[in-house]
Amino acid sequence: MDAPPPDPTAPLPTDVPTLQAMVRELLARSQQLEARVAELTAKLDAALKHRFGRRSERRPPPPAADKTKRRRDEHGRSPLPAQLERREVVTT
């Protein structure tokens, strides 16, 4: 069925078996194309729902175990570890 399509302006054959074979090929091709359109429509619908769907439809994140609460506005440098040596430097 990957043959190039026949010329639409060419005359049709007159024998019935050839015409019936052509109709069967066209029906099979039509069913294939309808199945492909349905598949692509389903993929497009899923992509649109993912992109533009309601946020409440998303799954909540799984609960994390042993998660310590951190302040939201925490920023800047974190404190140095206690095991580091401390030295006082006095300048005059």
PDB file of N, CA and C in Angstrom:
ATOM      1  N   MET A   1       0.798  -1.192   0.000  1.00  0.00           N
ATOM      2  CA  MET A   1       0.000   0.000   0.000  1.00  0.00           C
ATOM      3  C   MET A   1       0.844   1.260   0.000  1.00  0.00           C
ATOM      4  N   ASP A   2       2.160   1.102  -0.008  1.00  0.00           N
ATOM      5  CA  ASP A   2       3.036   2.264  -0.034  1.00  0.00           C
ATOM      6  C   ASP A   2       3.292   2.736  -1.461  1.00  0.00           C
ATOM      7  N   ALA A   3       2.578   2.171  -2.409  1.00  0.00           N
ATOM      8  CA  ALA A   3       2.729   2.576  -3.801  1.00  0.00           C
ATOM      9  C   ALA A   3       2.164   3.984  -3.972  1.00  0.00           C
ATOM     10  N   PRO A   4       2.676   4.719  -4.940  1.00  0.00           N
ATOM     11  CA  PRO A   4       2.145   6.068  -5.153  1.00  0.00           C
ATOM     12  C   PRO A   4       0.677   5.994  -5.553  1.00  0.00           C
ATOM     13  N   PRO A   5      -0.095   6.992  -5.159  1.00  0.00           N
ATOM     14  CA  PRO A   5      -1.521   6.963  -5.485  1.00  0.00           C
ATOM     15  C   PRO A   5      -1.717   7.085  -6.995  1.00  0.00           C
ATOM     16  N   PRO A   6      -2.754   6.431  -7.503  1.00  0.00           N
ATOM     17  CA  PRO A   6      -2.993   6.528  -8.956  1.00  0.00           C
ATOM     18  C   PRO A   6      -3.437   7.939  -9.332  1.00  0.00           C
ATOM     19  N   ASP A   7      -3.254   8.233 -10.579  1.00  0.00           N
ATOM     20  CA  ASP A   7      -3.635   9.540 -11.095  1.00  0.00           C
ATOM     21  C   ASP A   7      -5.164   9.675 -11.048  1.00  0.00           C
ATOM     22  N   PRO A   8      -5.706  10.717 -10.379  1.00  0.00           N
ATOM     23  CA  PRO A   8      -7.160  10.838 -10.270  1.00  0.00           C
ATOM     24  C   PRO A   8      -7.847  11.134 -11.596  1.00  0.00           C
ATOM     25  N   THR A   9      -7.110  11.606 -12.564  1.00  0.00           N
ATOM     26  CA  THR A   9      -7.730  11.911 -13.858  1.00  0.00           C
ATOM     27  C   THR A   9      -7.702  10.716 -14.801  1.00  0.00           C
ATOM     28  N   ALA A  10      -6.994   9.642 -14.417  1.00  0.00           N
ATOM     29  CA  ALA A  10      -6.921   8.449 -15.269  1.00  0.00           C
ATOM     30  C   ALA A  10      -8.268   7.736 -15.253  1.00  0.00           C
ATOM     31  N   PRO A  11      -8.638   7.093 -16.341  1.00  0.00           N
ATOM     32  CA  PRO A  11      -9.917   6.376 -16.370  1.00  0.00           C
ATOM     33  C   PRO A  11      -9.874   5.162 -15.454  1.00  0.00           C
ATOM     34  N   LEU A  12     -11.015   4.834 -14.848  1.00  0.00           N
ATOM     35  CA  LEU A  12     -11.108   3.682 -13.962  1.00  0.00           C
ATOM     36  C   LEU A  12     -11.246   2.409 -14.782  1.00  0.00           C
ATOM     37  N   PRO A  13     -10.759   1.282 -14.210  1.00  0.00           N
ATOM     38  CA  PRO A  13     -10.944   0.018 -14.938  1.00  0.00           C
ATOM     39  C   PRO A  13     -12.429  -0.336 -15.006  1.00  0.00           C
ATOM     40  N   THR A  14     -12.779  -1.137 -15.967  1.00  0.00           N
ATOM     41  CA  THR A  14     -14.186  -1.481 -16.157  1.00  0.00           C
ATOM     42  C   THR A  14     -14.542  -2.847 -15.592  1.00  0.00           C
ATOM     43  N   ASP A  15     -13.550  -3.669 -15.272  1.00  0.00           N
ATOM     44  CA  ASP A  15     -13.890  -4.988 -14.746  1.00  0.00           C
ATOM     45  C   ASP A  15     -14.188  -4.900 -13.249  1.00  0.00           C
ATOM     46  N   VAL A  16     -15.184  -5.634 -12.806  1.00  0.00           N
ATOM     47  CA  VAL A  16     -15.696  -5.576 -11.440  1.00  0.00           C
ATOM     48  C   VAL A  16     -14.675  -6.065 -10.411  1.00  0.00           C
ATOM     49  N   PRO A  17     -13.967  -7.159 -10.609  1.00  0.00           N
ATOM     50  CA  PRO A  17     -13.011  -7.610  -9.579  1.00  0.00           C
ATOM     51  C   PRO A  17     -11.920  -6.571  -9.286  1.00  0.00           C
ATOM     52  N   THR A  18     -11.425  -5.896 -10.296  1.00  0.00           N
ATOM     53  CA  THR A  18     -10.399  -4.861 -10.085  1.00  0.00           C
ATOM     54  C   THR A  18     -10.991  -3.691  -9.297  1.00  0.00           C
ATOM     55  N   LEU A  19     -12.193  -3.292  -9.633  1.00  0.00           N
ATOM     56  CA  LEU A  19     -12.843  -2.200  -8.905  1.00  0.00           C
ATOM     57  C   LEU A  19     -13.103  -2.589  -7.445  1.00  0.00           C
ATOM     58  N   GLN A  20     -13.526  -3.833  -7.224  1.00  0.00           N
ATOM     59  CA  GLN A  20     -13.754  -4.293  -5.847  1.00  0.00           C
ATOM     60  C   GLN A  20     -12.448  -4.309  -5.051  1.00  0.00           C
ATOM     61  N   ALA A  21     -11.352  -4.712  -5.683  1.00  0.00           N
ATOM     62  CA  ALA A  21     -10.049  -4.714  -5.004  1.00  0.00           C
ATOM     63  C   ALA A  21      -9.634  -3.286  -4.643  1.00  0.00           C
ATOM     64  N   MET A  22      -9.903  -2.359  -5.553  1.00  0.00           N
ATOM     65  CA  MET A  22      -9.561  -0.964  -5.269  1.00  0.00           C
ATOM     66  C   MET A  22     -10.382  -0.424  -4.103  1.00  0.00           C
ATOM     67  N   VAL A  23     -11.653  -0.771  -4.048  1.00  0.00           N
ATOM     68  CA  VAL A  23     -12.519  -0.310  -2.963  1.00  0.00           C
ATOM     69  C   VAL A  23     -12.042  -0.905  -1.636  1.00  0.00           C
ATOM     70  N   ARG A  24     -11.678  -2.187  -1.641  1.00  0.00           N
ATOM     71  CA  ARG A  24     -11.174  -2.813  -0.405  1.00  0.00           C
ATOM     72  C   ARG A  24      -9.897  -2.120   0.087  1.00  0.00           C
ATOM     73  N   GLU A  25      -8.992  -1.812  -0.846  1.00  0.00           N
ATOM     74  CA  GLU A  25      -7.752  -1.113  -0.474  1.00  0.00           C
ATOM     75  C   GLU A  25      -8.066   0.263   0.114  1.00  0.00           C
ATOM     76  N   LEU A  26      -9.000   0.960  -0.506  1.00  0.00           N
ATOM     77  CA  LEU A  26      -9.358   2.284  -0.015  1.00  0.00           C
ATOM     78  C   LEU A  26     -10.019   2.210   1.366  1.00  0.00           C
ATOM     79  N   LEU A  27     -10.855   1.201   1.586  1.00  0.00           N
ATOM     80  CA  LEU A  27     -11.479   1.040   2.899  1.00  0.00           C
ATOM     81  C   LEU A  27     -10.444   0.710   3.966  1.00  0.00           C
ATOM     82  N   ALA A  28      -9.491  -0.158   3.639  1.00  0.00           N
ATOM     83  CA  ALA A  28      -8.441  -0.506   4.598  1.00  0.00           C
ATOM     84  C   ALA A  28      -7.596   0.723   4.926  1.00  0.00           C
ATOM     85  N   ARG A  29      -7.249   1.478   3.905  1.00  0.00           N
ATOM     86  CA  ARG A  29      -6.442   2.696   4.130  1.00  0.00           C
ATOM     87  C   ARG A  29      -7.223   3.716   4.958  1.00  0.00           C
ATOM     88  N   SER A  30      -8.512   3.824   4.693  1.00  0.00           N
ATOM     89  CA  SER A  30      -9.349   4.750   5.450  1.00  0.00           C
ATOM     90  C   SER A  30      -9.398   4.357   6.926  1.00  0.00           C
ATOM     91  N   GLN A  31      -9.517   3.059   7.210  1.00  0.00           N
ATOM     92  CA  GLN A  31      -9.529   2.598   8.602  1.00  0.00           C
ATOM     93  C   GLN A  31      -8.196   2.884   9.289  1.00  0.00           C
ATOM     94  N   GLN A  32      -7.092   2.681   8.564  1.00  0.00           N
ATOM     95  CA  GLN A  32      -5.773   2.986   9.135  1.00  0.00           C
ATOM     96  C   GLN A  32      -5.659   4.468   9.477  1.00  0.00           C
ATOM     97  N   LEU A  33      -6.098   5.301   8.570  1.00  0.00           N
ATOM     98  CA  LEU A  33      -5.996   6.742   8.799  1.00  0.00           C
ATOM     99  C   LEU A  33      -6.910   7.192   9.942  1.00  0.00           C
ATOM    100  N   GLU A  34      -8.107   6.613  10.057  1.00  0.00           N
ATOM    101  CA  GLU A  34      -9.003   6.963  11.153  1.00  0.00           C
ATOM    102  C   GLU A  34      -8.408   6.542  12.498  1.00  0.00           C
ATOM    103  N   ALA A  35      -7.751   5.382  12.544  1.00  0.00           N
ATOM    104  CA  ALA A  35      -7.114   4.936  13.779  1.00  0.00           C
ATOM    105  C   ALA A  35      -5.959   5.872  14.145  1.00  0.00           C
ATOM    106  N   ARG A  36      -5.202   6.304  13.152  1.00  0.00           N
ATOM    107  CA  ARG A  36      -4.075   7.216  13.396  1.00  0.00           C
ATOM    108  C   ARG A  36      -4.585   8.574  13.899  1.00  0.00           C
ATOM    109  N   VAL A  37      -5.665   9.058  13.300  1.00  0.00           N
ATOM    110  CA  VAL A  37      -6.243  10.332  13.738  1.00  0.00           C
ATOM    111  C   VAL A  37      -6.729  10.216  15.181  1.00  0.00           C
ATOM    112  N   ALA A  38      -7.372   9.104  15.530  1.00  0.00           N
ATOM    113  CA  ALA A  38      -7.847   8.915  16.900  1.00  0.00           C
ATOM    114  C   ALA A  38      -6.685   8.876  17.880  1.00  0.00           C
ATOM    115  N   GLU A  39      -5.590   8.202  17.496  1.00  0.00           N
ATOM    116  CA  GLU A  39      -4.404   8.128  18.358  1.00  0.00           C
ATOM    117  C   GLU A  39      -3.790   9.514  18.573  1.00  0.00           C
ATOM    118  N   LEU A  40      -3.639  10.261  17.492  1.00  0.00           N
ATOM    119  CA  LEU A  40      -3.045  11.595  17.602  1.00  0.00           C
ATOM    120  C   LEU A  40      -3.956  12.557  18.356  1.00  0.00           C
ATOM    121  N   THR A  41      -5.260  12.414  18.191  1.00  0.00           N
ATOM    122  CA  THR A  41      -6.195  13.256  18.934  1.00  0.00           C
ATOM    123  C   THR A  41      -6.091  12.983  20.428  1.00  0.00           C
ATOM    124  N   ALA A  42      -5.968  11.709  20.800  1.00  0.00           N
ATOM    125  CA  ALA A  42      -5.820  11.361  22.212  1.00  0.00           C
ATOM    126  C   ALA A  42      -4.518  11.930  22.779  1.00  0.00           C
ATOM    127  N   LYS A  43      -3.435  11.859  22.017  1.00  0.00           N
ATOM    128  CA  LYS A  43      -2.156  12.421  22.473  1.00  0.00           C
ATOM    129  C   LYS A  43      -2.245  13.935  22.627  1.00  0.00           C
ATOM    130  N   LEU A  44      -2.899  14.586  21.674  1.00  0.00           N
ATOM    131  CA  LEU A  44      -3.051  16.037  21.748  1.00  0.00           C
ATOM    132  C   LEU A  44      -3.899  16.430  22.951  1.00  0.00           C
ATOM    133  N   ASP A  45      -4.984  15.707  23.186  1.00  0.00           N
ATOM    134  CA  ASP A  45      -5.831  16.004  24.348  1.00  0.00           C
ATOM    135  C   ASP A  45      -5.050  15.842  25.647  1.00  0.00           C
ATOM    136  N   ALA A  46      -4.243  14.790  25.740  1.00  0.00           N
ATOM    137  CA  ALA A  46      -3.446  14.573  26.948  1.00  0.00           C
ATOM    138  C   ALA A  46      -2.425  15.691  27.126  1.00  0.00           C
ATOM    139  N   ALA A  47      -1.786  16.112  26.039  1.00  0.00           N
ATOM    140  CA  ALA A  47      -0.794  17.188  26.131  1.00  0.00           C
ATOM    141  C   ALA A  47      -1.451  18.508  26.524  1.00  0.00           C
ATOM    142  N   LEU A  48      -2.617  18.788  25.953  1.00  0.00           N
ATOM    143  CA  LEU A  48      -3.311  20.026  26.310  1.00  0.00           C
ATOM    144  C   LEU A  48      -3.773  20.011  27.758  1.00  0.00           C
ATOM    145  N   LYS A  49      -4.236  18.862  28.229  1.00  0.00           N
ATOM    146  CA  LYS A  49      -4.664  18.768  29.617  1.00  0.00           C
ATOM    147  C   LYS A  49      -3.469  18.945  30.556  1.00  0.00           C
ATOM    148  N   HIS A  50      -2.330  18.364  30.169  1.00  0.00           N
ATOM    149  CA  HIS A  50      -1.127  18.515  30.992  1.00  0.00           C
ATOM    150  C   HIS A  50      -0.673  19.968  31.029  1.00  0.00           C
ATOM    151  N   ARG A  51      -0.734  20.632  29.885  1.00  0.00           N
ATOM    152  CA  ARG A  51      -0.235  22.013  29.802  1.00  0.00           C
ATOM    153  C   ARG A  51      -1.213  23.017  30.393  1.00  0.00           C
ATOM    154  N   PHE A  52      -2.496  22.870  30.100  1.00  0.00           N
ATOM    155  CA  PHE A  52      -3.468  23.882  30.480  1.00  0.00           C
ATOM    156  C   PHE A  52      -4.494  23.388  31.492  1.00  0.00           C
ATOM    157  N   GLY A  53      -4.336  22.176  32.006  1.00  0.00           N
ATOM    158  CA  GLY A  53      -5.312  21.620  32.936  1.00  0.00           C
ATOM    159  C   GLY A  53      -5.287  22.330  34.279  1.00  0.00           C
ATOM    160  N   ARG A  54      -6.282  22.026  35.095  1.00  0.00           N
ATOM    161  CA  ARG A  54      -6.352  22.646  36.413  1.00  0.00           C
ATOM    162  C   ARG A  54      -5.198  22.163  37.272  1.00  0.00           C
ATOM    163  N   ARG A  55      -4.685  23.046  38.080  1.00  0.00           N
ATOM    164  CA  ARG A  55      -3.570  22.686  38.955  1.00  0.00           C
ATOM    165  C   ARG A  55      -4.010  21.705  40.041  1.00  0.00           C
ATOM    166  N   SER A  56      -5.280  21.762  40.408  1.00  0.00           N
ATOM    167  CA  SER A  56      -5.763  20.874  41.458  1.00  0.00           C
ATOM    168  C   SER A  56      -5.832  19.427  40.978  1.00  0.00           C
ATOM    169  N   GLU A  57      -5.736  19.203  39.683  1.00  0.00           N
ATOM    170  CA  GLU A  57      -5.781  17.850  39.172  1.00  0.00           C
ATOM    171  C   GLU A  57      -4.435  17.148  39.267  1.00  0.00           C
ATOM    172  N   ARG A  58      -3.414  17.893  39.582  1.00  0.00           N
ATOM    173  CA  ARG A  58      -2.096  17.278  39.722  1.00  0.00           C
ATOM    174  C   ARG A  58      -2.021  16.495  41.020  1.00  0.00           C
ATOM    175  N   ARG A  59      -1.165  15.515  41.028  1.00  0.00           N
ATOM    176  CA  ARG A  59      -0.995  14.714  42.232  1.00  0.00           C
ATOM    177  C   ARG A  59      -0.189  15.494  43.264  1.00  0.00           C
ATOM    178  N   PRO A  60      -0.547  15.355  44.535  1.00  0.00           N
ATOM    179  CA  PRO A  60       0.263  16.025  45.560  1.00  0.00           C
ATOM    180  C   PRO A  60       1.609  15.312  45.688  1.00  0.00           C
ATOM    181  N   PRO A  61       2.656  16.038  46.080  1.00  0.00           N
ATOM    182  CA  PRO A  61       3.963  15.389  46.224  1.00  0.00           C
ATOM    183  C   PRO A  61       3.916  14.372  47.356  1.00  0.00           C
ATOM    184  N   PRO A  62       4.702  13.306  47.250  1.00  0.00           N
ATOM    185  CA  PRO A  62       4.700  12.301  48.312  1.00  0.00           C
ATOM    186  C   PRO A  62       5.280  12.884  49.598  1.00  0.00           C
ATOM    187  N   PRO A  63       4.768  12.466  50.741  1.00  0.00           N
ATOM    188  CA  PRO A  63       5.298  13.008  51.998  1.00  0.00           C
ATOM    189  C   PRO A  63       6.740  12.562  52.212  1.00  0.00           C
ATOM    190  N   ALA A  64       7.580  13.496  52.588  1.00  0.00           N
ATOM    191  CA  ALA A  64       8.995  13.203  52.806  1.00  0.00           C
ATOM    192  C   ALA A  64       9.214  12.838  54.269  1.00  0.00           C
ATOM    193  N   ALA A  65       9.981  11.793  54.502  1.00  0.00           N
ATOM    194  CA  ALA A  65      10.269  11.353  55.864  1.00  0.00           C
ATOM    195  C   ALA A  65      11.483  12.115  56.402  1.00  0.00           C
ATOM    196  N   ASP A  66      11.485  12.411  57.679  1.00  0.00           N
ATOM    197  CA  ASP A  66      12.595  13.090  58.370  1.00  0.00           C
ATOM    198  C   ASP A  66      12.946  14.423  57.728  1.00  0.00           C
ATOM    199  N   LYS A  67      11.963  15.142  57.332  1.00  0.00           N
ATOM    200  CA  LYS A  67      12.211  16.448  56.730  1.00  0.00           C
ATOM    201  C   LYS A  67      12.107  17.501  57.827  1.00  0.00           C
ATOM    202  N   THR A  68      13.173  18.258  58.003  1.00  0.00           N
ATOM    203  CA  THR A  68      13.162  19.316  59.003  1.00  0.00           C
ATOM    204  C   THR A  68      12.556  20.555  58.378  1.00  0.00           C
ATOM    205  N   LYS A  69      11.789  21.271  59.149  1.00  0.00           N
ATOM    206  CA  LYS A  69      11.173  22.483  58.638  1.00  0.00           C
ATOM    207  C   LYS A  69      12.216  23.597  58.630  1.00  0.00           C
ATOM    208  N   ARG A  70      12.277  24.293  57.529  1.00  0.00           N
ATOM    209  CA  ARG A  70      13.195  25.422  57.405  1.00  0.00           C
ATOM    210  C   ARG A  70      12.360  26.671  57.219  1.00  0.00           C
ATOM    211  N   ARG A  71      12.901  27.752  57.717  1.00  0.00           N
ATOM    212  CA  ARG A  71      12.202  29.015  57.522  1.00  0.00           C
ATOM    213  C   ARG A  71      12.231  29.374  56.053  1.00  0.00           C
ATOM    214  N   ARG A  72      11.164  29.976  55.612  1.00  0.00           N
ATOM    215  CA  ARG A  72      11.045  30.302  54.210  1.00  0.00           C
ATOM    216  C   ARG A  72      12.009  31.414  53.795  1.00  0.00           C
ATOM    217  N   ASP A  73      12.248  32.368  54.682  1.00  0.00           N
ATOM    218  CA  ASP A  73      13.076  33.512  54.320  1.00  0.00           C
ATOM    219  C   ASP A  73      14.538  33.330  54.695  1.00  0.00           C
ATOM    220  N   GLU A  74      14.972  32.099  54.909  1.00  0.00           N
ATOM    221  CA  GLU A  74      16.359  31.847  55.283  1.00  0.00           C
ATOM    222  C   GLU A  74      17.256  32.125  54.079  1.00  0.00           C
ATOM    223  N   HIS A  75      18.248  32.999  54.282  1.00  0.00           N
ATOM    224  CA  HIS A  75      19.166  33.316  53.211  1.00  0.00           C
ATOM    225  C   HIS A  75      20.495  33.742  53.817  1.00  0.00           C
ATOM    226  N   GLY A  76      21.473  33.944  52.988  1.00  0.00           N
ATOM    227  CA  GLY A  76      22.791  34.342  53.466  1.00  0.00           C
ATOM    228  C   GLY A  76      23.652  33.128  53.730  1.00  0.00           C
ATOM    229  N   ARG A  77      24.777  33.384  54.370  1.00  0.00           N
ATOM    230  CA  ARG A  77      25.709  32.292  54.669  1.00  0.00           C
ATOM    231  C   ARG A  77      25.201  31.446  55.812  1.00  0.00           C
ATOM    232  N   SER A  78      25.484  30.172  55.726  1.00  0.00           N
ATOM    233  CA  SER A  78      25.149  29.291  56.840  1.00  0.00           C
ATOM    234  C   SER A  78      26.278  29.367  57.872  1.00  0.00           C
ATOM    235  N   PRO A  79      25.997  29.083  59.132  1.00  0.00           N
ATOM    236  CA  PRO A  79      27.040  29.174  60.156  1.00  0.00           C
ATOM    237  C   PRO A  79      28.141  28.143  59.913  1.00  0.00           C
ATOM    238  N   LEU A  80      29.351  28.507  60.354  1.00  0.00           N
ATOM    239  CA  LEU A  80      30.482  27.602  60.180  1.00  0.00           C
ATOM    240  C   LEU A  80      30.352  26.421  61.147  1.00  0.00           C
ATOM    241  N   PRO A  81      30.881  25.256  60.784  1.00  0.00           N
ATOM    242  CA  PRO A  81      30.806  24.090  61.672  1.00  0.00           C
ATOM    243  C   PRO A  81      31.540  24.339  62.986  1.00  0.00           C
ATOM    244  N   ALA A  82      31.070  23.714  64.061  1.00  0.00           N
ATOM    245  CA  ALA A  82      31.631  23.928  65.398  1.00  0.00           C
ATOM    246  C   ALA A  82      33.038  23.362  65.525  1.00  0.00           C
ATOM    247  N   GLN A  83      33.407  22.376  64.742  1.00  0.00           N
ATOM    248  CA  GLN A  83      34.720  21.757  64.890  1.00  0.00           C
ATOM    249  C   GLN A  83      35.855  22.565  64.269  1.00  0.00           C
ATOM    250  N   LEU A  84      35.572  23.649  63.602  1.00  0.00           N
ATOM    251  CA  LEU A  84      36.640  24.479  63.044  1.00  0.00           C
ATOM    252  C   LEU A  84      37.305  25.297  64.149  1.00  0.00           C
ATOM    253  N   GLU A  85      38.630  25.494  63.974  1.00  0.00           N
ATOM    254  CA  GLU A  85      39.406  26.266  64.952  1.00  0.00           C
ATOM    255  C   GLU A  85      39.054  27.744  64.826  1.00  0.00           C
ATOM    256  N   ARG A  86      38.932  28.430  65.994  1.00  0.00           N
ATOM    257  CA  ARG A  86      38.606  29.851  66.005  1.00  0.00           C
ATOM    258  C   ARG A  86      39.842  30.628  66.466  1.00  0.00           C
ATOM    259  N   ARG A  87      40.137  31.740  65.828  1.00  0.00           N
ATOM    260  CA  ARG A  87      41.264  32.603  66.210  1.00  0.00           C
ATOM    261  C   ARG A  87      40.773  34.024  66.261  1.00  0.00           C
ATOM    262  N   GLU A  88      41.233  34.752  67.259  1.00  0.00           N
ATOM    263  CA  GLU A  88      40.909  36.169  67.335  1.00  0.00           C
ATOM    264  C   GLU A  88      42.065  36.943  66.748  1.00  0.00           C
ATOM    265  N   VAL A  89      41.774  37.843  65.842  1.00  0.00           N
ATOM    266  CA  VAL A  89      42.786  38.681  65.221  1.00  0.00           C
ATOM    267  C   VAL A  89      42.463  40.112  65.628  1.00  0.00           C
ATOM    268  N   VAL A  90      43.437  40.722  66.346  1.00  0.00           N
ATOM    269  CA  VAL A  90      43.258  42.093  66.798  1.00  0.00           C
ATOM    270  C   VAL A  90      44.169  42.974  65.968  1.00  0.00           C
ATOM    271  N   THR A  91      43.602  43.983  65.363  1.00  0.00           N
ATOM    272  CA  THR A  91      44.405  44.934  64.581  1.00  0.00           C
ATOM    273  C   THR A  91      44.375  46.278  65.290  1.00  0.00           C
ATOM    274  N   THR A  92      45.490  46.957  65.238  1.00  0.00           N
ATOM    275  CA  THR A  92      45.560  48.258  65.887  1.00  0.00           C
ATOM    276  C   THR A  92      45.804  49.350  64.914  1.00  0.00           C
TER     277      THR A  92
END
